[in-house]
Amino acid sequence: MTPTWLTDALQKRFDELTQQANGDPKIKRTNEQTRQALEHIEAQIEQEGRNAFLQWEEQWFYAQTVEKEWYYAKGVRDGVQLILSLTKDAPV
């Protein structure tokens, strides 16, 4: 079980990285292309299909966020374990 303070710190760092990523030109360009593609799809489907698609899209984005947060937290834990194992027998 991850301590609450570590979970909070990881969430804060993840939020900071998200802000930085949103300023990256390549990510901005990709997000804009994705937004345009989505607008094209939405213009092509009827209201009932649009509502179903929007529900799916919302769930998909949530799932992507949960997965990215998991990868980030796992990477931090792996890094801490690596540092601890490398320094365990190191002279002080």
C-alpha atoms as a PDB file:
ATOM      1  CA  MET A   1       0.000   0.000   0.000  1.00  0.00           C
ATOM      2  CA  THR A   2       1.368   3.384  -1.017  1.00  0.00           C
ATOM      3  CA  PRO A   3       1.403   6.008   1.776  1.00  0.00           C
ATOM      4  CA  THR A   4      -1.092   8.856   1.331  1.00  0.00           C
ATOM      5  CA  TRP A   5       1.649  11.502   1.327  1.00  0.00           C
ATOM      6  CA  LEU A   6       3.381   9.718  -1.556  1.00  0.00           C
ATOM      7  CA  THR A   7       0.143   9.335  -3.503  1.00  0.00           C
ATOM      8  CA  ASP A   8      -0.548  13.054  -3.028  1.00  0.00           C
ATOM      9  CA  ALA A   9       2.993  13.975  -4.116  1.00  0.00           C
ATOM     10  CA  LEU A  10       2.729  11.743  -7.195  1.00  0.00           C
ATOM     11  CA  GLN A  11      -0.628  13.275  -8.112  1.00  0.00           C
ATOM     12  CA  LYS A  12       0.813  16.790  -7.791  1.00  0.00           C
ATOM     13  CA  ARG A  13       3.784  15.873  -9.988  1.00  0.00           C
ATOM     14  CA  PHE A  14       1.508  14.176 -12.533  1.00  0.00           C
ATOM     15  CA  ASP A  15      -0.613  17.349 -12.679  1.00  0.00           C
ATOM     16  CA  GLU A  16       2.532  19.474 -13.172  1.00  0.00           C
ATOM     17  CA  LEU A  17       3.727  17.209 -15.988  1.00  0.00           C
ATOM     18  CA  THR A  18       0.295  17.367 -17.609  1.00  0.00           C
ATOM     19  CA  GLN A  19       0.529  21.167 -17.648  1.00  0.00           C
ATOM     20  CA  GLN A  20       4.015  20.975 -19.186  1.00  0.00           C
ATOM     21  CA  ALA A  21       2.857  18.457 -21.786  1.00  0.00           C
ATOM     22  CA  ASN A  22      -0.018  20.726 -22.786  1.00  0.00           C
ATOM     23  CA  GLY A  23       2.570  23.391 -23.694  1.00  0.00           C
ATOM     24  CA  ASP A  24       4.676  21.073 -25.846  1.00  0.00           C
ATOM     25  CA  PRO A  25       4.340  21.981 -29.565  1.00  0.00           C
ATOM     26  CA  LYS A  26       4.224  18.366 -30.764  1.00  0.00           C
ATOM     27  CA  ILE A  27       1.563  17.441 -28.233  1.00  0.00           C
ATOM     28  CA  LYS A  28      -0.409  20.603 -29.043  1.00  0.00           C
ATOM     29  CA  ARG A  29      -0.292  19.775 -32.752  1.00  0.00           C
ATOM     30  CA  THR A  30      -1.362  16.177 -32.157  1.00  0.00           C
ATOM     31  CA  ASN A  31      -4.203  17.249 -29.861  1.00  0.00           C
ATOM     32  CA  GLU A  32      -5.410  19.760 -32.452  1.00  0.00           C
ATOM     33  CA  GLN A  33      -5.404  17.082 -35.179  1.00  0.00           C
ATOM     34  CA  THR A  34      -7.313  14.754 -32.848  1.00  0.00           C
ATOM     35  CA  ARG A  35      -9.847  17.500 -32.058  1.00  0.00           C
ATOM     36  CA  GLN A  36     -10.391  18.168 -35.773  1.00  0.00           C
ATOM     37  CA  ALA A  37     -10.872  14.460 -36.481  1.00  0.00           C
ATOM     38  CA  LEU A  38     -13.396  14.239 -33.647  1.00  0.00           C
ATOM     39  CA  GLU A  39     -15.329  17.234 -34.986  1.00  0.00           C
ATOM     40  CA  HIS A  40     -15.450  15.529 -38.379  1.00  0.00           C
ATOM     41  CA  ILE A  41     -16.810  12.320 -36.843  1.00  0.00           C
ATOM     42  CA  GLU A  42     -19.398  14.198 -34.780  1.00  0.00           C
ATOM     43  CA  ALA A  43     -20.624  16.033 -37.891  1.00  0.00           C
ATOM     44  CA  GLN A  44     -21.190  12.704 -39.645  1.00  0.00           C
ATOM     45  CA  ILE A  45     -23.311  10.907 -37.034  1.00  0.00           C
ATOM     46  CA  GLU A  46     -26.887  11.365 -35.838  1.00  0.00           C
ATOM     47  CA  GLN A  47     -27.737  12.630 -32.346  1.00  0.00           C
ATOM     48  CA  GLU A  48     -28.377   9.164 -30.859  1.00  0.00           C
ATOM     49  CA  GLY A  49     -25.058   7.870 -32.137  1.00  0.00           C
ATOM     50  CA  ARG A  50     -23.358  11.083 -31.016  1.00  0.00           C
ATOM     51  CA  ASN A  51     -24.613  10.635 -27.442  1.00  0.00           C
ATOM     52  CA  ALA A  52     -23.387   7.041 -27.342  1.00  0.00           C
ATOM     53  CA  PHE A  53     -20.050   8.096 -28.790  1.00  0.00           C
ATOM     54  CA  LEU A  54     -19.653  10.925 -26.260  1.00  0.00           C
ATOM     55  CA  GLN A  55     -20.307   8.494 -23.403  1.00  0.00           C
ATOM     56  CA  TRP A  56     -17.681   6.139 -24.809  1.00  0.00           C
ATOM     57  CA  GLU A  57     -15.250   9.011 -25.336  1.00  0.00           C
ATOM     58  CA  GLU A  58     -15.626  10.216 -21.754  1.00  0.00           C
ATOM     59  CA  GLN A  59     -14.959   6.719 -20.411  1.00  0.00           C
ATOM     60  CA  TRP A  60     -12.013   6.239 -22.769  1.00  0.00           C
ATOM     61  CA  PHE A  61     -10.363   9.484 -21.653  1.00  0.00           C
ATOM     62  CA  TYR A  62     -10.869   8.535 -18.015  1.00  0.00           C
ATOM     63  CA  ALA A  63      -9.333   5.099 -18.627  1.00  0.00           C
ATOM     64  CA  GLN A  64      -6.341   6.692 -20.379  1.00  0.00           C
ATOM     65  CA  THR A  65      -5.783   9.024 -17.432  1.00  0.00           C
ATOM     66  CA  VAL A  66      -5.969   6.203 -14.895  1.00  0.00           C
ATOM     67  CA  GLU A  67      -3.496   4.157 -16.945  1.00  0.00           C
ATOM     68  CA  LYS A  68      -1.025   7.057 -17.314  1.00  0.00           C
ATOM     69  CA  GLU A  69      -1.181   7.771 -13.582  1.00  0.00           C
ATOM     70  CA  TRP A  70      -0.520   4.070 -12.874  1.00  0.00           C
ATOM     71  CA  TYR A  71       2.529   4.052 -15.164  1.00  0.00           C
ATOM     72  CA  TYR A  72       3.882   7.200 -13.550  1.00  0.00           C
ATOM     73  CA  ALA A  73       3.404   5.916  -9.986  1.00  0.00           C
ATOM     74  CA  LYS A  74       4.883   2.532 -10.908  1.00  0.00           C
ATOM     75  CA  GLY A  75       7.911   4.230 -12.465  1.00  0.00           C
ATOM     76  CA  VAL A  76       8.519   6.256  -9.323  1.00  0.00           C
ATOM     77  CA  ARG A  77       8.222   3.155  -7.110  1.00  0.00           C
ATOM     78  CA  ASP A  78      10.572   1.228  -9.395  1.00  0.00           C
ATOM     79  CA  GLY A  79      13.053   4.099  -9.283  1.00  0.00           C
ATOM     80  CA  VAL A  80      12.946   4.225  -5.487  1.00  0.00           C
ATOM     81  CA  GLN A  81      13.461   0.453  -5.281  1.00  0.00           C
ATOM     82  CA  LEU A  82      16.413   0.694  -7.668  1.00  0.00           C
ATOM     83  CA  ILE A  83      18.029   3.483  -5.649  1.00  0.00           C
ATOM     84  CA  LEU A  84      17.494   1.574  -2.405  1.00  0.00           C
ATOM     85  CA  SER A  85      18.968  -1.617  -3.815  1.00  0.00           C
ATOM     86  CA  LEU A  86      21.984   0.210  -5.259  1.00  0.00           C
ATOM     87  CA  THR A  87      22.684   2.091  -2.057  1.00  0.00           C
ATOM     88  CA  LYS A  88      21.911  -0.743   0.375  1.00  0.00           C
ATOM     89  CA  ASP A  89      25.487  -1.996   0.571  1.00  0.00           C
ATOM     90  CA  ALA A  90      27.196   1.246  -0.458  1.00  0.00           C
ATOM     91  CA  PRO A  91      29.697   2.713   1.998  1.00  0.00           C
ATOM     92  CA  VAL A  92      28.506   5.799   3.788  1.00  0.00           C
END
